Amino acid sequence: MTTATLHVDIVETSDEKPVTLTKQQAAKVYFNVDQTAGSILVGSFNVSGATDNSTGDFTVNFSSSFSSANDTAAPLGSRNYTLQIHDTLITTSSIELWSRNGSAVVGDQTHNTGSVWRLSMSSRLQSLNGQLLKPDLAYAFVYCGTTTSTTNASYIPYDTVRSSNGIVWNTSTYRFTVPVNGIYHMSGGFRINRNEDWAYWVLNEDGVGSPYTNKLVLDHGEGTPGFTSVFGSMYAELTTGSEWGFIGSWPSTTTGDIMVYQTWMDIVFVG
C-alpha cells in the first residue's frame, strides 16, 4: 500500500460548509470569554454570544445547536481559577459555567477558555493504522455540590455533574440511565457527618431493588472524628430502560449531612 501527503489550506463541502468528520472527533465549540468586561468574546467558534449572569457566572450560547445534550465539555479557566459546569449543565444550545478558585470563591476573570466536543454514542471498536480505538465511551463524573441532610438508606445526593457522555444523570432524584447495556465500573463513595461504626453504599435499580445485595462497598467508622466515610469500587451489569442510583446506609436511623466535595462517584462503561 502506498501513502501520500496532501497539502491544502481549506477543506469545504460543495456548498462551502465545514466537512463532516467520520472517524475523527473535533471541537464543535470553543470560546475565550473576558468576564471582567461583561462577558465579551475574545475568540470563539460556533458561538453567538456570551451572557453575564453574575460574578464568575456566565453562559455561552451556540450559533448552531446540537442534536443532543449528551456532549462533553472541556472547560479550562484563567490563572488560579478553573471553570466548572453550572448546575444547569449543558443544553443543546448553550452551556453555563462559573469560575472558581481552590477555596470555592467565584470571580470574574479575563480569559475564560474552553471547548465542547460532540461525541456520538457507539460501543464499536474502530481500527486505525493497526490501533484499536473506542472514542465514544459512556461515562459520568458526579459529586455532591451542596451539603445535604440525608435519610439513612436513601439515595446519596450526587447533585452535580462534572462531566458526562451518554449517561444521563438526574440531579434532583440522584438517579441515572445508561445508553447501552453492558458492564460498567463504578468508583467513589460518600462522607456523612456522624460518628457511626460502619457505613456502606450499594447500587440500586429504582423500583426493583439492588441487583447485587452481596456486593456492598463497606467501611468501618471511628468513635471520635465526627464523621464516617466509605469509598470503594465495583463492576456491575447495567441495562437501558431502568433508572439506577446509589443507596447509602449506616447503623443509626438518624439523618445525617452528606458532605460537599467529599462525596463523589465515577462511572465508566467498560464493555
C-alpha atoms as a PDB file:
ATOM      1  CA  MET A   1       0.000   0.000   0.000  1.00  0.00           C
ATOM      2  CA  THR A   2       1.338   3.434  -0.918  1.00  0.00           C
ATOM      3  CA  THR A   3       0.860   6.609   1.081  1.00  0.00           C
ATOM      4  CA  ALA A   4       0.789  10.245   0.078  1.00  0.00           C
ATOM      5  CA  THR A   5       0.693  13.660   1.739  1.00  0.00           C
ATOM      6  CA  LEU A   6      -1.991  16.186   0.798  1.00  0.00           C
ATOM      7  CA  HIS A   7      -1.304  19.865   1.499  1.00  0.00           C
ATOM      8  CA  VAL A   8      -4.383  22.142   1.490  1.00  0.00           C
ATOM      9  CA  ASP A   9      -5.376  25.405   3.163  1.00  0.00           C
ATOM     10  CA  ILE A  10      -9.167  24.912   3.317  1.00  0.00           C
ATOM     11  CA  VAL A  11     -11.367  21.828   3.063  1.00  0.00           C
ATOM     12  CA  GLU A  12     -15.078  22.518   2.462  1.00  0.00           C
ATOM     13  CA  THR A  13     -18.175  20.746   1.175  1.00  0.00           C
ATOM     14  CA  SER A  14     -19.539  21.553  -2.283  1.00  0.00           C
ATOM     15  CA  ASP A  15     -21.785  24.262  -0.758  1.00  0.00           C
ATOM     16  CA  GLU A  16     -18.835  25.853   1.117  1.00  0.00           C
ATOM     17  CA  LYS A  17     -19.689  24.446   4.545  1.00  0.00           C
ATOM     18  CA  PRO A  18     -17.473  22.585   7.059  1.00  0.00           C
ATOM     19  CA  VAL A  19     -16.900  18.943   6.235  1.00  0.00           C
ATOM     20  CA  THR A  20     -18.367  16.212   8.449  1.00  0.00           C
ATOM     21  CA  LEU A  21     -15.844  14.161  10.401  1.00  0.00           C
ATOM     22  CA  THR A  22     -16.478  10.407  10.377  1.00  0.00           C
ATOM     23  CA  LYS A  23     -13.659   8.564  12.161  1.00  0.00           C
ATOM     24  CA  GLN A  24     -12.283  11.629  13.958  1.00  0.00           C
ATOM     25  CA  GLN A  25     -13.576  13.900  16.684  1.00  0.00           C
ATOM     26  CA  ALA A  26     -13.145  17.682  16.807  1.00  0.00           C
ATOM     27  CA  ALA A  27     -14.316  20.532  18.988  1.00  0.00           C
ATOM     28  CA  LYS A  28     -17.768  21.757  17.942  1.00  0.00           C
ATOM     29  CA  VAL A  29     -17.487  24.852  20.130  1.00  0.00           C
ATOM     30  CA  TYR A  30     -14.602  26.781  21.608  1.00  0.00           C
ATOM     31  CA  PHE A  31     -14.555  30.114  23.376  1.00  0.00           C
ATOM     32  CA  ASN A  32     -12.431  32.689  25.162  1.00  0.00           C
ATOM     33  CA  VAL A  33     -14.580  34.985  27.323  1.00  0.00           C
ATOM     34  CA  ASP A  34     -13.452  38.143  29.162  1.00  0.00           C
ATOM     35  CA  GLN A  35     -15.945  38.454  32.007  1.00  0.00           C
ATOM     36  CA  THR A  36     -14.231  41.493  33.503  1.00  0.00           C
ATOM     37  CA  ALA A  37     -15.584  43.417  30.500  1.00  0.00           C
ATOM     38  CA  GLY A  38     -19.107  41.996  30.764  1.00  0.00           C
ATOM     39  CA  SER A  39     -18.632  38.593  29.097  1.00  0.00           C
ATOM     40  CA  ILE A  40     -17.025  39.822  25.892  1.00  0.00           C
ATOM     41  CA  LEU A  41     -15.973  37.175  23.361  1.00  0.00           C
ATOM     42  CA  VAL A  42     -12.235  37.480  22.786  1.00  0.00           C
ATOM     43  CA  GLY A  43     -12.225  34.498  20.425  1.00  0.00           C
ATOM     44  CA  SER A  44     -14.740  31.783  19.574  1.00  0.00           C
ATOM     45  CA  PHE A  45     -16.084  29.205  17.144  1.00  0.00           C
ATOM     46  CA  ASN A  46     -19.798  28.363  16.745  1.00  0.00           C
ATOM     47  CA  VAL A  47     -20.676  30.870  19.489  1.00  0.00           C
ATOM     48  CA  SER A  48     -23.344  33.550  19.016  1.00  0.00           C
ATOM     49  CA  GLY A  49     -22.594  35.360  22.255  1.00  0.00           C
ATOM     50  CA  ALA A  50     -21.952  35.149  25.994  1.00  0.00           C
ATOM     51  CA  THR A  51     -24.306  36.256  28.778  1.00  0.00           C
ATOM     52  CA  ASP A  52     -23.014  37.688  32.077  1.00  0.00           C
ATOM     53  CA  ASN A  53     -25.255  36.113  34.743  1.00  0.00           C
ATOM     54  CA  SER A  54     -23.448  37.259  37.893  1.00  0.00           C
ATOM     55  CA  THR A  55     -19.944  37.416  39.367  1.00  0.00           C
ATOM     56  CA  GLY A  56     -17.973  34.480  37.973  1.00  0.00           C
ATOM     57  CA  ASP A  57     -21.095  33.048  36.294  1.00  0.00           C
ATOM     58  CA  PHE A  58     -21.742  33.263  32.550  1.00  0.00           C
ATOM     59  CA  THR A  59     -23.476  31.400  29.722  1.00  0.00           C
ATOM     60  CA  VAL A  60     -22.007  30.629  26.300  1.00  0.00           C
ATOM     61  CA  ASN A  61     -24.664  30.431  23.574  1.00  0.00           C
ATOM     62  CA  PHE A  62     -24.068  28.278  20.482  1.00  0.00           C
ATOM     63  CA  SER A  63     -24.662  29.538  16.948  1.00  0.00           C
ATOM     64  CA  SER A  64     -25.677  26.079  15.739  1.00  0.00           C
ATOM     65  CA  SER A  65     -27.448  23.870  18.274  1.00  0.00           C
ATOM     66  CA  PHE A  66     -26.523  20.241  18.837  1.00  0.00           C
ATOM     67  CA  SER A  67     -28.996  17.450  18.131  1.00  0.00           C
ATOM     68  CA  SER A  68     -28.407  16.076  21.639  1.00  0.00           C
ATOM     69  CA  ALA A  69     -27.322  17.443  25.012  1.00  0.00           C
ATOM     70  CA  ASN A  70     -25.112  14.394  25.589  1.00  0.00           C
ATOM     71  CA  ASP A  71     -21.911  16.261  24.873  1.00  0.00           C
ATOM     72  CA  THR A  72     -18.591  16.502  26.616  1.00  0.00           C
ATOM     73  CA  ALA A  73     -17.467  19.924  27.821  1.00  0.00           C
ATOM     74  CA  ALA A  74     -13.801  20.645  28.447  1.00  0.00           C
ATOM     75  CA  PRO A  75     -13.789  23.962  30.344  1.00  0.00           C
ATOM     76  CA  LEU A  76     -10.403  25.252  31.476  1.00  0.00           C
ATOM     77  CA  GLY A  77     -10.126  28.581  33.293  1.00  0.00           C
ATOM     78  CA  SER A  78      -7.900  31.554  33.933  1.00  0.00           C
ATOM     79  CA  ARG A  79      -4.833  31.891  36.167  1.00  0.00           C
ATOM     80  CA  ASN A  80      -5.700  30.409  39.598  1.00  0.00           C
ATOM     81  CA  TYR A  81      -9.358  29.873  38.673  1.00  0.00           C
ATOM     82  CA  THR A  82     -10.967  26.901  36.929  1.00  0.00           C
ATOM     83  CA  LEU A  83     -14.225  26.756  35.004  1.00  0.00           C
ATOM     84  CA  GLN A  84     -16.915  24.406  36.277  1.00  0.00           C
ATOM     85  CA  ILE A  85     -20.183  23.484  34.597  1.00  0.00           C
ATOM     86  CA  HIS A  86     -23.042  25.172  36.449  1.00  0.00           C
ATOM     87  CA  ASP A  87     -25.942  23.175  37.922  1.00  0.00           C
ATOM     88  CA  THR A  88     -27.960  23.844  34.754  1.00  0.00           C
ATOM     89  CA  LEU A  89     -25.241  21.867  32.920  1.00  0.00           C
ATOM     90  CA  ILE A  90     -25.072  21.774  29.147  1.00  0.00           C
ATOM     91  CA  THR A  91     -28.043  22.007  26.786  1.00  0.00           C
ATOM     92  CA  THR A  92     -28.311  21.643  23.020  1.00  0.00           C
ATOM     93  CA  SER A  93     -27.935  25.414  22.595  1.00  0.00           C
ATOM     94  CA  SER A  94     -25.793  26.696  25.480  1.00  0.00           C
ATOM     95  CA  ILE A  95     -23.558  25.914  28.432  1.00  0.00           C
ATOM     96  CA  GLU A  96     -23.489  27.761  31.768  1.00  0.00           C
ATOM     97  CA  LEU A  97     -20.189  27.989  33.634  1.00  0.00           C
ATOM     98  CA  TRP A  98     -18.728  29.573  36.709  1.00  0.00           C
ATOM     99  CA  SER A  99     -15.147  30.494  37.527  1.00  0.00           C
ATOM    100  CA  ARG A 100     -13.983  29.310  40.956  1.00  0.00           C
ATOM    101  CA  ASN A 101     -10.682  29.059  42.790  1.00  0.00           C
ATOM    102  CA  GLY A 102      -9.488  26.366  45.206  1.00  0.00           C
ATOM    103  CA  SER A 103     -11.450  27.963  48.057  1.00  0.00           C
ATOM    104  CA  ALA A 104     -14.705  27.779  46.060  1.00  0.00           C
ATOM    105  CA  VAL A 105     -14.702  31.573  45.621  1.00  0.00           C
ATOM    106  CA  VAL A 106     -16.182  32.778  42.328  1.00  0.00           C
ATOM    107  CA  GLY A 107     -14.705  35.699  40.422  1.00  0.00           C
ATOM    108  CA  ASP A 108     -14.682  37.480  37.065  1.00  0.00           C
ATOM    109  CA  GLN A 109     -11.609  36.552  35.002  1.00  0.00           C
ATOM    110  CA  THR A 110     -10.011  37.974  31.865  1.00  0.00           C
ATOM    111  CA  HIS A 111      -9.517  34.752  29.886  1.00  0.00           C
ATOM    112  CA  ASN A 112     -12.109  32.011  30.415  1.00  0.00           C
ATOM    113  CA  THR A 113     -11.364  29.363  27.797  1.00  0.00           C
ATOM    114  CA  GLY A 114     -12.992  26.050  26.977  1.00  0.00           C
ATOM    115  CA  SER A 115     -14.448  23.790  24.304  1.00  0.00           C
ATOM    116  CA  VAL A 116     -17.330  21.387  23.739  1.00  0.00           C
ATOM    117  CA  TRP A 117     -16.947  18.093  21.909  1.00  0.00           C
ATOM    118  CA  ARG A 118     -19.844  16.259  20.284  1.00  0.00           C
ATOM    119  CA  LEU A 119     -19.320  12.500  20.679  1.00  0.00           C
ATOM    120  CA  SER A 120     -21.622  10.001  19.006  1.00  0.00           C
ATOM    121  CA  MET A 121     -22.683   7.049  21.147  1.00  0.00           C
ATOM    122  CA  SER A 122     -21.239   3.838  19.791  1.00  0.00           C
ATOM    123  CA  SER A 123     -19.566   0.960  21.592  1.00  0.00           C
ATOM    124  CA  ARG A 124     -17.846  -0.415  18.479  1.00  0.00           C
ATOM    125  CA  LEU A 125     -14.098  -0.787  18.428  1.00  0.00           C
ATOM    126  CA  GLN A 126     -12.563   1.036  15.479  1.00  0.00           C
ATOM    127  CA  SER A 127      -9.272   0.099  13.836  1.00  0.00           C
ATOM    128  CA  LEU A 128      -6.952   2.842  12.605  1.00  0.00           C
ATOM    129  CA  ASN A 129      -3.409   2.040  11.460  1.00  0.00           C
ATOM    130  CA  GLY A 130      -3.457  -1.165  13.497  1.00  0.00           C
ATOM    131  CA  GLN A 131      -4.638   0.550  16.691  1.00  0.00           C
ATOM    132  CA  LEU A 132      -7.871  -0.276  18.498  1.00  0.00           C
ATOM    133  CA  LEU A 133      -9.860   2.776  19.480  1.00  0.00           C
ATOM    134  CA  LYS A 134     -13.027   3.319  21.486  1.00  0.00           C
ATOM    135  CA  PRO A 135     -13.597   7.094  21.289  1.00  0.00           C
ATOM    136  CA  ASP A 136     -17.275   7.102  22.275  1.00  0.00           C
ATOM    137  CA  LEU A 137     -17.031   5.654  25.771  1.00  0.00           C
ATOM    138  CA  ALA A 138     -20.019   6.284  28.053  1.00  0.00           C
ATOM    139  CA  TYR A 139     -19.126   7.829  31.410  1.00  0.00           C
ATOM    140  CA  ALA A 140     -20.310  10.177  34.146  1.00  0.00           C
ATOM    141  CA  PHE A 141     -18.313  12.003  36.822  1.00  0.00           C
ATOM    142  CA  VAL A 142     -20.641  13.342  39.545  1.00  0.00           C
ATOM    143  CA  TYR A 143     -20.350  14.723  43.053  1.00  0.00           C
ATOM    144  CA  CYS A 144     -22.317  16.295  45.902  1.00  0.00           C
ATOM    145  CA  GLY A 145     -22.166  20.046  45.308  1.00  0.00           C
ATOM    146  CA  THR A 146     -24.268  21.043  48.332  1.00  0.00           C
ATOM    147  CA  THR A 147     -24.077  19.558  51.827  1.00  0.00           C
ATOM    148  CA  THR A 148     -27.424  17.747  52.132  1.00  0.00           C
ATOM    149  CA  SER A 149     -29.304  16.303  55.122  1.00  0.00           C
ATOM    150  CA  THR A 150     -29.978  12.737  54.044  1.00  0.00           C
ATOM    151  CA  THR A 151     -32.111   9.946  55.466  1.00  0.00           C
ATOM    152  CA  ASN A 152     -30.480   6.594  56.162  1.00  0.00           C
ATOM    153  CA  ALA A 153     -30.947   4.011  53.373  1.00  0.00           C
ATOM    154  CA  SER A 154     -31.820   6.600  50.710  1.00  0.00           C
ATOM    155  CA  TYR A 155     -30.151   7.783  47.525  1.00  0.00           C
ATOM    156  CA  ILE A 156     -26.801   9.503  48.006  1.00  0.00           C
ATOM    157  CA  PRO A 157     -27.235  13.133  46.832  1.00  0.00           C
ATOM    158  CA  TYR A 158     -24.900  13.281  43.835  1.00  0.00           C
ATOM    159  CA  ASP A 159     -26.435  16.559  42.682  1.00  0.00           C
ATOM    160  CA  THR A 160     -23.766  17.919  40.326  1.00  0.00           C
ATOM    161  CA  VAL A 161     -22.407  16.516  37.059  1.00  0.00           C
ATOM    162  CA  ARG A 162     -18.788  17.422  36.448  1.00  0.00           C
ATOM    163  CA  SER A 163     -18.692  15.747  33.047  1.00  0.00           C
ATOM    164  CA  SER A 164     -20.592  13.026  31.191  1.00  0.00           C
ATOM    165  CA  ASN A 165     -21.077  11.328  27.852  1.00  0.00           C
ATOM    166  CA  GLY A 166     -24.108   9.166  27.141  1.00  0.00           C
ATOM    167  CA  ILE A 167     -25.051   8.580  30.782  1.00  0.00           C
ATOM    168  CA  VAL A 168     -27.958  10.886  31.707  1.00  0.00           C
ATOM    169  CA  TRP A 169     -27.947  11.978  35.354  1.00  0.00           C
ATOM    170  CA  ASN A 170     -30.963  13.430  37.189  1.00  0.00           C
ATOM    171  CA  THR A 171     -29.527  15.913  39.705  1.00  0.00           C
ATOM    172  CA  SER A 172     -32.845  16.131  41.580  1.00  0.00           C
ATOM    173  CA  THR A 173     -33.568  12.429  42.114  1.00  0.00           C
ATOM    174  CA  TYR A 174     -29.867  11.375  42.065  1.00  0.00           C
ATOM    175  CA  ARG A 175     -30.640   8.589  39.600  1.00  0.00           C
ATOM    176  CA  PHE A 176     -29.248   7.918  36.135  1.00  0.00           C
ATOM    177  CA  THR A 177     -29.815   5.979  32.927  1.00  0.00           C
ATOM    178  CA  VAL A 178     -27.249   4.353  30.660  1.00  0.00           C
ATOM    179  CA  PRO A 179     -27.146   4.469  26.830  1.00  0.00           C
ATOM    180  CA  VAL A 180     -26.145   0.835  26.203  1.00  0.00           C
ATOM    181  CA  ASN A 181     -26.417  -2.497  28.010  1.00  0.00           C
ATOM    182  CA  GLY A 182     -23.144  -3.780  29.393  1.00  0.00           C
ATOM    183  CA  ILE A 183     -20.600  -3.849  32.186  1.00  0.00           C
ATOM    184  CA  TYR A 184     -19.865  -0.581  33.983  1.00  0.00           C
ATOM    185  CA  HIS A 185     -17.180   0.267  36.522  1.00  0.00           C
ATOM    186  CA  MET A 186     -18.245   2.445  39.474  1.00  0.00           C
ATOM    187  CA  SER A 187     -15.797   4.072  41.863  1.00  0.00           C
ATOM    188  CA  GLY A 188     -16.481   6.577  44.646  1.00  0.00           C
ATOM    189  CA  GLY A 189     -18.340   6.971  47.906  1.00  0.00           C
ATOM    190  CA  PHE A 190     -19.628   9.457  50.448  1.00  0.00           C
ATOM    191  CA  ARG A 191     -18.867  11.160  53.761  1.00  0.00           C
ATOM    192  CA  ILE A 192     -21.540  11.604  56.421  1.00  0.00           C
ATOM    193  CA  ASN A 193     -21.016  13.988  59.341  1.00  0.00           C
ATOM    194  CA  ARG A 194     -21.885  11.432  62.004  1.00  0.00           C
ATOM    195  CA  ASN A 195     -19.908   9.041  64.176  1.00  0.00           C
ATOM    196  CA  GLU A 196     -21.007   5.593  63.025  1.00  0.00           C
ATOM    197  CA  ASP A 197     -19.491   2.127  63.499  1.00  0.00           C
ATOM    198  CA  TRP A 198     -19.810   1.458  59.778  1.00  0.00           C
ATOM    199  CA  ALA A 199     -21.335   2.728  56.558  1.00  0.00           C
ATOM    200  CA  TYR A 200     -21.820   1.338  53.065  1.00  0.00           C
ATOM    201  CA  TRP A 201     -23.145   2.156  49.598  1.00  0.00           C
ATOM    202  CA  VAL A 202     -24.830  -0.220  47.188  1.00  0.00           C
ATOM    203  CA  LEU A 203     -26.087   0.008  43.609  1.00  0.00           C
ATOM    204  CA  ASN A 204     -29.889   0.132  43.345  1.00  0.00           C
ATOM    205  CA  GLU A 205     -32.321  -0.297  40.434  1.00  0.00           C
ATOM    206  CA  ASP A 206     -35.171   2.100  41.143  1.00  0.00           C
ATOM    207  CA  GLY A 207     -38.461   0.325  41.823  1.00  0.00           C
ATOM    208  CA  VAL A 208     -36.747  -3.071  41.801  1.00  0.00           C
ATOM    209  CA  GLY A 209     -34.018  -3.062  44.440  1.00  0.00           C
ATOM    210  CA  SER A 210     -30.353  -3.892  44.476  1.00  0.00           C
ATOM    211  CA  PRO A 211     -29.251  -6.498  41.920  1.00  0.00           C
ATOM    212  CA  TYR A 212     -26.094  -7.086  43.974  1.00  0.00           C
ATOM    213  CA  THR A 213     -27.100  -7.350  47.629  1.00  0.00           C
ATOM    214  CA  ASN A 214     -23.904  -9.323  48.256  1.00  0.00           C
ATOM    215  CA  LYS A 215     -21.708  -6.542  46.839  1.00  0.00           C
ATOM    216  CA  LEU A 216     -21.817  -3.829  49.489  1.00  0.00           C
ATOM    217  CA  VAL A 217     -18.991  -1.295  49.466  1.00  0.00           C
ATOM    218  CA  LEU A 218     -18.411  -1.138  53.220  1.00  0.00           C
ATOM    219  CA  ASP A 219     -16.051   0.678  55.573  1.00  0.00           C
ATOM    220  CA  HIS A 220     -15.672   0.792  59.348  1.00  0.00           C
ATOM    221  CA  GLY A 221     -16.073   4.077  61.217  1.00  0.00           C
ATOM    222  CA  GLU A 222     -14.394   5.509  64.294  1.00  0.00           C
ATOM    223  CA  GLY A 223     -15.811   6.748  67.551  1.00  0.00           C
ATOM    224  CA  THR A 224     -14.347  10.259  67.695  1.00  0.00           C
ATOM    225  CA  PRO A 225     -13.628  12.121  64.424  1.00  0.00           C
ATOM    226  CA  GLY A 226     -17.173  13.453  63.913  1.00  0.00           C
ATOM    227  CA  PHE A 227     -17.681  11.810  60.531  1.00  0.00           C
ATOM    228  CA  THR A 228     -17.752   8.447  58.750  1.00  0.00           C
ATOM    229  CA  SER A 229     -16.622   7.901  55.167  1.00  0.00           C
ATOM    230  CA  VAL A 230     -16.790   4.962  52.789  1.00  0.00           C
ATOM    231  CA  PHE A 231     -15.098   4.713  49.388  1.00  0.00           C
ATOM    232  CA  GLY A 232     -14.525   1.830  47.020  1.00  0.00           C
ATOM    233  CA  SER A 233     -15.338   0.421  43.594  1.00  0.00           C
ATOM    234  CA  MET A 234     -17.293  -2.331  41.879  1.00  0.00           C
ATOM    235  CA  TYR A 235     -18.330  -3.678  38.474  1.00  0.00           C
ATOM    236  CA  ALA A 236     -21.977  -4.208  37.575  1.00  0.00           C
ATOM    237  CA  GLU A 237     -24.116  -5.077  34.579  1.00  0.00           C
ATOM    238  CA  LEU A 238     -26.477  -2.189  33.807  1.00  0.00           C
ATOM    239  CA  THR A 239     -29.336  -2.126  31.301  1.00  0.00           C
ATOM    240  CA  THR A 240     -31.145   0.613  29.425  1.00  0.00           C
ATOM    241  CA  GLY A 241     -34.758   1.356  30.339  1.00  0.00           C
ATOM    242  CA  SER A 242     -34.036   1.349  34.089  1.00  0.00           C
ATOM    243  CA  GLU A 243     -33.101   4.126  36.493  1.00  0.00           C
ATOM    244  CA  TRP A 244     -30.102   3.424  38.690  1.00  0.00           C
ATOM    245  CA  GLY A 245     -28.720   5.071  41.811  1.00  0.00           C
ATOM    246  CA  PHE A 246     -26.609   4.501  44.908  1.00  0.00           C
ATOM    247  CA  ILE A 247     -28.091   3.878  48.354  1.00  0.00           C
ATOM    248  CA  GLY A 248     -26.103   4.994  51.396  1.00  0.00           C
ATOM    249  CA  SER A 249     -26.670   3.328  54.756  1.00  0.00           C
ATOM    250  CA  TRP A 250     -25.331   3.422  58.333  1.00  0.00           C
ATOM    251  CA  PRO A 251     -26.384   1.777  61.661  1.00  0.00           C
ATOM    252  CA  SER A 252     -28.488   4.557  63.213  1.00  0.00           C
ATOM    253  CA  THR A 253     -31.845   5.665  61.836  1.00  0.00           C
ATOM    254  CA  THR A 254     -30.916   9.327  62.240  1.00  0.00           C
ATOM    255  CA  THR A 255     -30.481  11.591  59.232  1.00  0.00           C
ATOM    256  CA  GLY A 256     -27.027  12.994  58.594  1.00  0.00           C
ATOM    257  CA  ASP A 257     -25.325  15.644  56.487  1.00  0.00           C
ATOM    258  CA  ILE A 258     -23.697  14.248  53.350  1.00  0.00           C
ATOM    259  CA  MET A 259     -20.625  16.403  52.797  1.00  0.00           C
ATOM    260  CA  VAL A 260     -19.979  18.590  49.773  1.00  0.00           C
ATOM    261  CA  TYR A 261     -16.945  17.746  47.545  1.00  0.00           C
ATOM    262  CA  GLN A 262     -16.013  14.691  49.668  1.00  0.00           C
ATOM    263  CA  THR A 263     -18.900  12.751  48.152  1.00  0.00           C
ATOM    264  CA  TRP A 264     -18.394  11.701  44.529  1.00  0.00           C
ATOM    265  CA  MET A 265     -18.873   8.883  42.027  1.00  0.00           C
ATOM    266  CA  ASP A 266     -17.265   7.977  38.680  1.00  0.00           C
ATOM    267  CA  ILE A 267     -18.999   5.579  36.277  1.00  0.00           C
ATOM    268  CA  VAL A 268     -17.389   4.263  33.087  1.00  0.00           C
ATOM    269  CA  PHE A 269     -18.669   1.767  30.511  1.00  0.00           C
ATOM    270  CA  VAL A 270     -16.099  -0.988  30.014  1.00  0.00           C
ATOM    271  CA  GLY A 271     -17.811  -3.408  27.611  1.00  0.00           C
END
